[in-house]
Amino acid sequence: MRSDAHEFKTRARDALRDPQLREALGRARDGFVGKRQKSIDRFPDFDALRERGRRIKNHTLAHLDVYLERFERQVVAAGGTVHWALDEDQARQTVVSICRQAGACRVTKAKTMVGEEVGINAAIEAAGMEAIETDLGEYIIQLAKEPPSHIIAPAVHKTRQQISDLFRDHHHGGDAARALREVPELVDEARAVLRQKFLSADVGITGANFLVAETGSIVLVTNEGNADLTHTLPRVHIAIAGIEKLVPDLDDATDLLRLLGRSATGQDLSAYTTLVTGPRRSDDPDGPEQFHVVLLDNGRSRMLGNRFRDMLRCIRCGACMNHCPVYAAVGGHAYGWVYPGPMGSVLTPLFVGLERTRDLPNACTLNGRCLSVCPVKIPLPDLLRELRGEQNAQRLTPATTRYGLRLWGMFARRPRLYHGVARALVGLLGLLGRRRGRFRRLPLAGAWTSVRDLPAPQGQTFQSAWRAYQRRNER
């Protein structure tokens, strides 16, 4: 999938001027945050579970080669096939080859972020086959010809009016008599359209929330049941997942599922949680005749050996973006690739290159909320600072920023000089702003003062005011 992450600033400005987007994001943010908090409040020791999740993922990553080999053996023993994809090209070629061998005309697809990462829909359609999204949110954005803006709720940026208009245009030939409809009506309409797609599909593609090395199973989590129909009804099932989705055994998968539901949607457990092990057996009433697992690297092995290894713990719950003030203001499309929000600001530069994504590590206030809610305790603020440092080292940041930081560093390493200059500047600004009490423009602060006034300092630094306060109390 092509990345437009280098256009973050332009996309962010456009997003801030979009009233419908702001309305949709406002509603979604309150729902995600509130439901998560209520679910955690009902759990006696959620932080201990977070720590266990962190340990499970760290252990798996430390022995990933062992668990990958075990997983492959178990998949083969169950009658399935494992395919290894070094990069997105190999992943696309593998999936298209399986579909062609199956003589597929129609391919149904459940939501998979790795599928978005490698651009699987475009590859299937380029090969002359029809690709149909079966997750309701993914189906909506497929009709709109847009990428997802959230990893849990792909169409979170759409209002009910926009969805109704899409359905009118695609399902009813643009009939102007089709007015805005209620949510249940829209859901029923999508269900009726997709039912025939499910029944006539030759191949079904899913992601995998977890891969269980002990049994060779994949774990699928949805709230609609579409993934179950996608892997059960067609003759061939393809699961595509990153190699970091491995967990050692079913007990570990259970612990992570308890974290995933609460962190993603505020549920104790998602409505449909399915374990898939191999193709249909002789006495099974349904299921695919073939079961394929495509394991994608695409830079993940490289992350295992560097300081960004912690990012491979991510279980794709979306909690970091739900609590991020930047994402809440601009939405997912501003980030320009598959993974938005804080997780995307780390993953996208690592996957597509820092030189093409230079704005993303800076699209963060470093407030730390993402770390405080991450179910596996990924230190996202630290990783973003690492990327900023790498940008500076590669001279990817503007020269004014580099020289400004170098000058600030010179003062910061000399406390007396720093405090002396700070006192002088604060005093000067206090005098200049005494008349109005604020500044509408300031040198080197144009981005800040373009949308807000800067309150004038009181004329002394905090430390000076604190010392004066202590002297008064000592009298």
Protein backbone atom coordinates (compact mmCIF):
# COMPACT_ATOMS: atom_id res chain seq x y z
CA MET A 1 0.00 0.00 0.00
CA ARG A 2 1.41 3.38 -0.99
CA SER A 3 2.35 5.68 1.86
CA ASP A 4 1.50 9.37 1.80
CA ALA A 5 2.80 9.97 5.31
CA HIS A 6 5.11 12.72 4.06
CA GLU A 7 1.99 14.84 3.55
CA PHE A 8 0.93 14.73 7.20
CA LYS A 9 0.91 18.49 7.72
CA THR A 10 -1.26 19.12 4.67
CA ARG A 11 -3.68 16.33 5.59
CA ALA A 12 -3.86 17.50 9.20
CA ARG A 13 -4.77 21.05 8.13
CA ASP A 14 -7.50 19.69 5.85
CA ALA A 15 -8.83 17.49 8.65
CA LEU A 16 -9.03 20.39 11.09
CA ARG A 17 -11.22 22.25 8.58
CA ASP A 18 -13.65 19.32 8.12
CA PRO A 19 -16.70 19.76 10.41
CA GLN A 20 -18.16 16.33 9.59
CA LEU A 21 -14.90 14.65 10.53
CA ARG A 22 -14.74 16.51 13.82
CA GLU A 23 -18.32 15.49 14.60
CA ALA A 24 -17.64 11.81 13.85
CA LEU A 25 -14.36 11.72 15.79
CA GLY A 26 -15.92 13.44 18.79
CA ARG A 27 -18.64 10.82 19.10
CA ALA A 28 -16.27 7.90 18.63
CA ARG A 29 -13.66 9.18 21.09
CA ASP A 30 -16.14 9.49 23.94
CA GLY A 31 -17.45 5.99 23.29
CA PHE A 32 -14.09 4.25 23.11
CA VAL A 33 -12.60 5.98 26.15
CA GLY A 34 -15.65 5.67 28.37
CA LYS A 35 -16.34 2.01 27.59
CA ARG A 36 -12.72 1.05 28.17
CA GLN A 37 -12.68 2.75 31.55
CA LYS A 38 -15.91 1.08 32.68
CA SER A 39 -14.62 -2.35 31.65
CA ILE A 40 -11.34 -1.84 33.50
CA ASP A 41 -13.12 -0.57 36.59
CA ARG A 42 -14.93 -3.92 36.73
CA PHE A 43 -11.65 -5.83 36.55
CA PRO A 44 -9.94 -6.38 39.94
CA ASP A 45 -6.29 -6.04 38.87
CA PHE A 46 -6.00 -4.92 35.30
CA ASP A 47 -2.45 -3.62 35.68
CA ALA A 48 -1.23 -7.07 36.78
CA LEU A 49 -2.79 -8.50 33.62
CA ARG A 50 -1.02 -5.82 31.58
CA GLU A 51 2.28 -6.86 33.12
CA ARG A 52 1.57 -10.50 32.29
CA GLY A 53 0.78 -9.51 28.72
CA ARG A 54 4.06 -7.62 28.48
CA ARG A 55 5.99 -10.67 29.75
CA ILE A 56 4.21 -13.05 27.37
CA LYS A 57 5.08 -10.93 24.36
CA ASN A 58 8.66 -10.34 25.47
CA HIS A 59 9.21 -14.07 26.03
CA THR A 60 7.75 -14.92 22.62
CA LEU A 61 9.87 -12.34 20.83
CA ALA A 62 13.00 -13.59 22.60
CA HIS A 63 12.31 -17.12 21.26
CA LEU A 64 10.45 -16.22 18.09
CA ASP A 65 12.39 -18.62 15.86
CA VAL A 66 11.48 -21.55 18.09
CA TYR A 67 7.79 -20.68 18.21
CA LEU A 68 7.58 -20.00 14.47
CA GLU A 69 8.98 -23.44 13.69
CA ARG A 70 6.64 -25.06 16.21
CA PHE A 71 3.67 -23.21 14.73
CA GLU A 72 4.56 -24.35 11.21
CA ARG A 73 4.88 -28.01 12.32
CA GLN A 74 1.48 -27.89 14.00
CA VAL A 75 -0.23 -26.23 11.02
CA VAL A 76 1.17 -28.89 8.68
CA ALA A 77 0.17 -31.66 11.10
CA ALA A 78 -3.40 -30.31 11.03
CA GLY A 79 -3.46 -30.41 7.23
CA GLY A 80 -2.62 -26.79 6.48
CA THR A 81 0.21 -25.03 4.65
CA VAL A 82 2.48 -22.22 5.86
CA HIS A 83 3.93 -19.70 3.41
CA TRP A 84 6.77 -17.34 4.37
CA ALA A 85 6.73 -13.81 2.92
CA LEU A 86 9.83 -11.70 3.36
CA ASP A 87 8.13 -8.51 2.15
CA GLU A 88 4.83 -7.21 0.83
CA ASP A 89 5.60 -8.26 -2.77
CA GLN A 90 6.05 -11.87 -1.74
CA ALA A 91 2.87 -11.72 0.37
CA ARG A 92 0.82 -10.42 -2.56
CA GLN A 93 2.28 -12.95 -4.98
CA THR A 94 1.60 -15.80 -2.57
CA VAL A 95 -2.03 -14.85 -1.97
CA VAL A 96 -2.75 -14.26 -5.67
CA SER A 97 -1.10 -17.58 -6.58
CA ILE A 98 -3.29 -19.49 -4.09
CA CYS A 99 -6.40 -17.77 -5.43
CA ARG A 100 -5.49 -18.60 -9.05
CA GLN A 101 -4.80 -22.23 -8.21
CA ALA A 102 -8.26 -22.36 -6.63
CA GLY A 103 -9.80 -20.91 -9.81
CA ALA A 104 -11.26 -18.07 -7.76
CA CYS A 105 -13.53 -15.44 -9.24
CA ARG A 106 -14.75 -13.88 -5.98
CA VAL A 107 -12.72 -13.43 -2.79
CA THR A 108 -14.26 -12.36 0.50
CA LYS A 109 -12.05 -10.71 3.06
CA ALA A 110 -12.40 -10.07 6.78
CA LYS A 111 -10.63 -7.12 8.37
CA THR A 112 -6.86 -7.57 8.43
CA MET A 113 -4.39 -4.77 9.00
CA VAL A 114 -1.58 -6.85 7.51
CA GLY A 115 -3.74 -7.25 4.41
CA GLU A 116 -3.97 -3.46 4.25
CA GLU A 117 -0.23 -3.23 4.86
CA VAL A 118 0.58 -5.27 1.76
CA GLY A 119 -2.29 -3.93 -0.39
CA ILE A 120 -3.94 -7.31 -0.90
CA ASN A 121 -7.21 -6.01 -2.38
CA ALA A 122 -5.48 -4.16 -5.20
CA ALA A 123 -3.40 -7.25 -6.01
CA ILE A 124 -6.48 -9.49 -6.16
CA GLU A 125 -8.36 -7.05 -8.39
CA ALA A 126 -5.33 -6.60 -10.65
CA ALA A 127 -5.36 -10.38 -11.14
CA GLY A 128 -8.92 -10.19 -12.45
CA MET A 129 -10.77 -11.32 -9.33
CA GLU A 130 -13.38 -9.54 -7.23
CA ALA A 131 -12.37 -8.65 -3.65
CA ILE A 132 -15.20 -7.99 -1.20
CA GLU A 133 -14.74 -6.58 2.29
CA THR A 134 -17.08 -8.25 4.79
CA ASP A 135 -16.44 -6.20 7.92
CA LEU A 136 -19.14 -3.51 7.90
CA GLY A 137 -16.67 -0.66 8.44
CA GLU A 138 -14.29 -2.00 5.81
CA TYR A 139 -17.20 -2.50 3.40
CA ILE A 140 -18.25 1.13 3.86
CA ILE A 141 -14.79 2.50 3.11
CA GLN A 142 -14.41 0.11 0.17
CA LEU A 143 -17.51 1.69 -1.33
CA ALA A 144 -16.03 5.12 -0.60
CA LYS A 145 -12.67 4.05 -2.11
CA GLU A 146 -10.86 5.15 1.04
CA PRO A 147 -8.36 3.47 3.36
CA PRO A 148 -9.34 2.75 6.98
CA SER A 149 -8.92 5.61 9.44
CA HIS A 150 -8.86 3.42 12.59
CA ILE A 151 -7.61 -0.12 13.10
CA ILE A 152 -10.69 -1.18 15.10
CA ALA A 153 -13.39 1.00 13.52
CA PRO A 154 -12.27 1.61 9.91
CA ALA A 155 -15.18 3.94 9.09
CA VAL A 156 -15.12 5.89 12.34
CA HIS A 157 -14.63 9.08 10.33
CA LYS A 158 -17.95 8.66 8.52
CA THR A 159 -21.23 10.16 9.71
CA ARG A 160 -24.56 8.34 9.35
CA GLN A 161 -25.54 10.75 6.57
CA GLN A 162 -22.40 9.94 4.59
CA ILE A 163 -22.96 6.19 4.96
CA SER A 164 -26.59 6.52 3.92
CA ASP A 165 -25.51 8.44 0.83
CA LEU A 166 -22.96 5.74 -0.05
CA PHE A 167 -25.55 2.98 0.23
CA ARG A 168 -28.03 5.00 -1.83
CA ASP A 169 -25.48 5.47 -4.62
CA HIS A 170 -24.12 1.90 -4.66
CA HIS A 171 -27.20 -0.14 -3.72
CA HIS A 172 -30.02 1.92 -5.25
CA GLY A 173 -28.51 3.63 -8.25
CA GLY A 174 -28.49 7.06 -6.61
CA ASP A 175 -32.25 7.12 -6.02
CA ALA A 176 -32.90 10.57 -4.56
CA ALA A 177 -35.97 9.25 -2.75
CA ARG A 178 -33.69 7.31 -0.40
CA ALA A 179 -33.52 9.62 2.62
CA LEU A 180 -31.28 9.37 5.66
CA ARG A 181 -31.96 6.06 7.38
CA GLU A 182 -31.49 4.75 10.89
CA VAL A 183 -28.50 2.59 11.81
CA PRO A 184 -30.46 -0.73 12.03
CA GLU A 185 -31.79 -0.17 8.50
CA LEU A 186 -28.30 0.46 7.13
CA VAL A 187 -26.92 -2.63 8.88
CA ASP A 188 -29.74 -4.82 7.54
CA GLU A 189 -29.14 -3.51 4.04
CA ALA A 190 -25.43 -4.28 4.20
CA ARG A 191 -26.17 -7.73 5.59
CA ALA A 192 -28.53 -8.52 2.72
CA VAL A 193 -25.98 -7.41 0.11
CA LEU A 194 -23.08 -9.27 1.69
CA ARG A 195 -25.00 -12.51 2.24
CA GLN A 196 -24.81 -13.38 -1.46
CA LYS A 197 -21.12 -12.53 -1.52
CA PHE A 198 -20.44 -14.92 1.35
CA LEU A 199 -22.34 -17.75 -0.34
CA SER A 200 -20.65 -17.36 -3.72
CA ALA A 201 -17.03 -16.75 -2.63
CA ASP A 202 -14.33 -19.17 -3.75
CA VAL A 203 -11.62 -17.97 -1.34
CA GLY A 204 -11.87 -16.29 2.05
CA ILE A 205 -9.05 -14.17 3.50
CA THR A 206 -8.76 -13.31 7.17
CA GLY A 207 -6.14 -11.86 9.42
CA ALA A 208 -5.23 -13.41 12.76
CA ASN A 209 -5.35 -11.67 16.10
CA PHE A 210 -3.02 -14.32 17.51
CA LEU A 211 -1.15 -17.38 16.25
CA VAL A 212 -0.87 -20.23 18.76
CA ALA A 213 2.37 -22.18 18.44
CA GLU A 214 1.16 -25.03 20.69
CA THR A 215 -1.70 -26.04 18.39
CA GLY A 216 -1.05 -24.35 15.04
CA SER A 217 -4.29 -22.42 15.49
CA ILE A 218 -5.19 -18.89 14.52
CA VAL A 219 -7.43 -16.77 16.76
CA LEU A 220 -10.03 -14.54 15.12
CA VAL A 221 -11.84 -11.83 17.06
CA THR A 222 -14.83 -9.89 15.69
CA ASN A 223 -18.11 -8.41 16.84
CA GLU A 224 -20.00 -9.18 13.62
CA GLY A 225 -19.21 -12.82 12.89
CA ASN A 226 -18.06 -11.92 9.38
CA ALA A 227 -14.65 -13.54 9.87
CA ASP A 228 -16.34 -16.86 10.71
CA LEU A 229 -18.38 -16.77 7.50
CA THR A 230 -15.30 -15.70 5.56
CA HIS A 231 -13.20 -18.65 6.63
CA THR A 232 -15.97 -21.28 6.85
CA LEU A 233 -17.99 -20.92 3.61
CA PRO A 234 -15.39 -20.71 0.79
CA ARG A 235 -13.41 -23.75 -0.40
CA VAL A 236 -10.09 -22.10 0.48
CA HIS A 237 -9.15 -20.10 3.58
CA ILE A 238 -6.06 -17.86 3.63
CA ALA A 239 -4.94 -16.28 6.91
CA ILE A 240 -2.31 -13.56 6.65
CA ALA A 241 -0.48 -12.26 9.73
CA GLY A 242 2.76 -10.69 10.89
CA ILE A 243 5.29 -13.00 12.52
CA GLU A 244 4.98 -11.08 15.79
CA LYS A 245 1.42 -12.39 16.33
CA LEU A 246 2.80 -15.64 17.80
CA VAL A 247 2.00 -16.71 21.36
CA PRO A 248 3.31 -19.91 22.94
CA ASP A 249 0.07 -21.60 24.01
CA LEU A 250 -3.68 -21.25 24.55
CA ASP A 251 -3.29 -19.98 28.13
CA ASP A 252 -1.19 -17.08 26.86
CA ALA A 253 -3.70 -16.37 24.09
CA THR A 254 -6.47 -16.26 26.70
CA ASP A 255 -4.63 -13.67 28.78
CA LEU A 256 -4.04 -11.49 25.74
CA LEU A 257 -7.68 -11.83 24.66
CA ARG A 258 -8.76 -10.46 28.03
CA LEU A 259 -6.50 -7.46 27.41
CA LEU A 260 -7.59 -7.00 23.80
CA GLY A 261 -11.35 -6.79 24.35
CA ARG A 262 -11.16 -4.35 27.23
CA SER A 263 -8.57 -2.13 25.56
CA ALA A 264 -10.16 -2.07 22.10
CA THR A 265 -13.92 -1.78 22.63
CA GLY A 266 -14.44 -1.93 26.39
CA GLN A 267 -15.81 -5.49 26.23
CA ASP A 268 -14.82 -8.25 28.61
CA LEU A 269 -14.57 -10.42 25.50
CA SER A 270 -15.50 -9.72 21.90
CA ALA A 271 -18.77 -11.20 20.63
CA TYR A 272 -17.08 -13.77 18.37
CA THR A 273 -13.78 -15.35 19.39
CA THR A 274 -12.88 -18.30 17.14
CA LEU A 275 -9.96 -20.70 17.05
CA VAL A 276 -9.24 -22.13 13.61
CA THR A 277 -7.02 -25.20 13.31
CA GLY A 278 -6.45 -26.58 9.83
CA PRO A 279 -8.97 -27.26 7.04
CA ARG A 280 -12.23 -29.18 7.32
CA ARG A 281 -11.92 -32.74 8.61
CA SER A 282 -13.88 -35.66 7.23
CA ASP A 283 -16.52 -35.51 9.96
CA ASP A 284 -16.83 -31.69 10.07
CA PRO A 285 -20.16 -30.30 8.83
CA ASP A 286 -18.51 -27.27 7.21
CA GLY A 287 -15.22 -25.48 6.72
CA PRO A 288 -12.68 -24.96 3.93
CA GLU A 289 -10.99 -27.71 1.97
CA GLN A 290 -7.66 -25.87 2.13
CA PHE A 291 -6.08 -23.84 4.91
CA HIS A 292 -3.13 -21.54 4.19
CA VAL A 293 -1.23 -19.25 6.57
CA VAL A 294 0.92 -16.47 5.10
CA LEU A 295 3.46 -15.21 7.64
CA LEU A 296 4.80 -11.74 6.84
CA ASP A 297 8.13 -10.30 7.93
CA ASN A 298 8.30 -6.95 6.07
CA GLY A 299 10.88 -5.43 8.43
CA ARG A 300 9.79 -7.11 11.64
CA SER A 301 12.94 -9.23 11.95
CA ARG A 302 14.98 -6.06 11.67
CA MET A 303 13.01 -4.54 14.56
CA LEU A 304 13.81 -7.60 16.69
CA GLY A 305 17.45 -6.61 16.70
CA ASN A 306 17.18 -2.90 17.43
CA ARG A 307 15.85 -0.51 20.06
CA PHE A 308 12.35 -0.57 18.55
CA ARG A 309 11.78 -4.21 19.51
CA ASP A 310 9.14 -3.18 22.10
CA MET A 311 6.84 -2.12 19.27
CA LEU A 312 6.46 -5.76 18.24
CA ARG A 313 4.47 -6.35 21.42
CA CYS A 314 1.56 -4.39 19.92
CA ILE A 315 -1.72 -6.37 19.84
CA ARG A 316 -3.49 -3.83 17.58
CA CYS A 317 -6.16 -2.75 20.06
CA GLY A 318 -6.25 0.94 19.10
CA ALA A 319 -6.26 2.22 22.70
CA CYS A 320 -3.30 4.52 22.04
CA MET A 321 -5.09 6.38 19.25
CA ASN A 322 -8.40 6.48 21.15
CA HIS A 323 -6.66 8.45 23.91
CA CYS A 324 -4.37 10.55 21.70
CA PRO A 325 -5.30 14.26 21.44
CA VAL A 326 -3.58 14.56 18.07
CA TYR A 327 -5.47 11.63 16.54
CA ALA A 328 -8.70 12.94 18.08
CA ALA A 329 -8.18 16.24 16.25
CA VAL A 330 -7.09 15.04 12.80
CA GLY A 331 -8.25 11.42 12.45
CA GLY A 332 -6.45 8.49 10.87
CA HIS A 333 -6.16 9.55 7.23
CA ALA A 334 -3.81 12.39 8.15
CA TYR A 335 -1.15 9.80 9.03
CA GLY A 336 -1.11 8.62 5.42
CA TRP A 337 -0.72 4.87 5.87
CA VAL A 338 -2.26 1.77 7.41
CA TYR A 339 -1.35 2.45 11.03
CA PRO A 340 -2.46 5.81 12.47
CA GLY A 341 -2.08 7.46 15.86
CA PRO A 342 0.87 6.91 18.19
CA MET A 343 1.43 3.32 17.06
CA GLY A 344 1.50 4.49 13.44
CA SER A 345 3.89 7.32 14.24
CA VAL A 346 6.36 4.62 15.29
CA LEU A 347 5.52 1.77 12.90
CA THR A 348 5.18 3.73 9.66
CA PRO A 349 8.71 5.22 9.76
CA LEU A 350 10.10 1.77 10.58
CA PHE A 351 8.23 0.07 7.74
CA VAL A 352 8.39 2.64 4.93
CA GLY A 353 11.40 4.75 5.90
CA LEU A 354 12.05 7.71 8.15
CA GLU A 355 12.92 9.98 5.23
CA ARG A 356 9.38 9.56 3.84
CA THR A 357 7.62 10.01 7.18
CA ARG A 358 9.58 12.78 8.85
CA ASP A 359 6.52 14.53 10.29
CA LEU A 360 5.02 11.51 12.06
CA PRO A 361 7.43 11.22 15.03
CA ASN A 362 6.70 14.90 15.69
CA ALA A 363 2.91 14.46 15.50
CA CYS A 364 2.83 13.93 19.25
CA THR A 365 2.70 16.11 22.37
CA LEU A 366 4.54 13.44 24.42
CA ASN A 367 1.76 13.63 27.03
CA GLY A 368 2.19 9.92 27.79
CA ARG A 369 -1.47 8.86 27.63
CA CYS A 370 -0.65 6.21 25.01
CA LEU A 371 1.79 4.52 27.39
CA SER A 372 -0.64 4.71 30.31
CA VAL A 373 -3.37 2.84 28.37
CA CYS A 374 -1.29 0.42 26.28
CA PRO A 375 -2.29 -3.10 27.38
CA VAL A 376 1.25 -4.45 26.89
CA LYS A 377 3.05 -1.34 28.18
CA ILE A 378 4.83 -0.26 25.00
CA PRO A 379 6.88 2.88 25.80
CA LEU A 380 5.54 4.81 22.82
CA PRO A 381 6.77 8.26 23.96
CA ASP A 382 10.30 6.89 24.35
CA LEU A 383 10.19 5.30 20.90
CA LEU A 384 8.96 8.54 19.35
CA ARG A 385 11.83 10.40 21.02
CA GLU A 386 14.22 7.79 19.60
CA LEU A 387 12.86 8.45 16.12
CA ARG A 388 13.23 12.21 16.60
CA GLY A 389 16.84 11.66 17.63
CA GLU A 390 17.40 9.48 14.58
CA GLN A 391 15.89 12.18 12.38
CA ASN A 392 18.28 14.71 13.81
CA ALA A 393 21.24 12.38 13.38
CA GLN A 394 20.31 11.80 9.72
CA ARG A 395 19.83 15.55 9.21
CA LEU A 396 16.20 15.00 8.17
CA THR A 397 14.88 17.76 10.42
CA PRO A 398 15.00 21.37 9.12
CA ALA A 399 18.29 23.16 9.64
CA THR A 400 16.62 25.82 11.81
CA THR A 401 15.36 23.09 14.15
CA ARG A 402 18.75 21.38 14.36
CA TYR A 403 20.61 24.61 15.07
CA GLY A 404 17.94 25.74 17.49
CA LEU A 405 18.20 22.50 19.46
CA ARG A 406 21.98 22.73 19.44
CA LEU A 407 21.79 26.27 20.82
CA TRP A 408 19.26 25.24 23.46
CA GLY A 409 21.50 22.30 24.41
CA MET A 410 24.44 24.64 24.89
CA PHE A 411 22.44 26.70 27.38
CA ALA A 412 20.82 23.66 29.06
CA ARG A 413 24.23 22.18 29.89
CA ARG A 414 25.19 25.42 31.67
CA PRO A 415 22.57 26.03 34.39
CA ARG A 416 23.80 29.45 35.50
CA LEU A 417 23.88 30.76 31.95
CA TYR A 418 20.48 29.16 31.21
CA HIS A 419 18.78 30.71 34.24
CA GLY A 420 20.39 34.07 33.59
CA VAL A 421 19.16 34.21 29.99
CA ALA A 422 15.72 32.93 31.06
CA ARG A 423 15.40 35.69 33.67
CA ALA A 424 16.37 38.32 31.14
CA LEU A 425 13.94 37.08 28.47
CA VAL A 426 11.04 36.62 30.89
CA GLY A 427 11.63 40.08 32.28
CA LEU A 428 11.71 41.59 28.80
CA LEU A 429 8.53 39.79 27.72
CA GLY A 430 6.85 40.84 30.94
CA LEU A 431 7.62 44.49 30.21
CA LEU A 432 6.59 44.27 26.56
CA GLY A 433 3.33 42.49 27.33
CA ARG A 434 2.34 44.53 30.39
CA ARG A 435 -0.02 46.73 28.46
CA ARG A 436 -2.19 44.05 26.83
CA GLY A 437 -1.28 41.03 28.94
CA ARG A 438 -0.75 38.85 25.86
CA PHE A 439 1.11 38.58 22.57
CA ARG A 440 -0.62 38.10 19.23
CA ARG A 441 2.68 37.53 17.41
CA LEU A 442 6.14 36.45 18.49
CA PRO A 443 9.34 35.73 16.56
CA LEU A 444 9.93 31.97 16.07
CA ALA A 445 6.45 31.21 17.43
CA GLY A 446 4.33 31.92 14.37
CA ALA A 447 2.67 28.48 14.34
CA TRP A 448 1.54 28.93 17.94
CA THR A 449 0.34 32.53 17.73
CA SER A 450 -1.41 32.02 14.38
CA VAL A 451 -4.37 30.44 16.20
CA ARG A 452 -4.01 31.65 19.80
CA ASP A 453 -2.58 34.46 21.89
CA LEU A 454 0.36 33.84 24.20
CA PRO A 455 -0.20 35.16 27.73
CA ALA A 456 2.54 37.58 28.75
CA PRO A 457 4.85 36.32 31.53
CA GLN A 458 4.52 37.97 34.93
CA GLY A 459 8.05 39.27 34.63
CA GLN A 460 10.00 36.66 36.60
CA THR A 461 10.80 32.99 36.22
CA PHE A 462 9.12 30.32 38.32
CA GLN A 463 12.31 29.71 40.28
CA SER A 464 12.64 33.41 41.08
CA ALA A 465 9.01 33.55 42.19
CA TRP A 466 9.49 30.43 44.33
CA ARG A 467 12.55 31.84 46.07
CA ALA A 468 10.68 35.08 46.78
CA TYR A 469 7.80 33.05 48.21
CA GLN A 470 10.17 31.11 50.50
CA ARG A 471 11.82 34.32 51.73
CA ARG A 472 8.43 35.81 52.64
CA ASN A 473 7.49 32.70 54.59
CA GLU A 474 10.77 32.70 56.50
CA ARG A 475 10.17 36.14 57.93
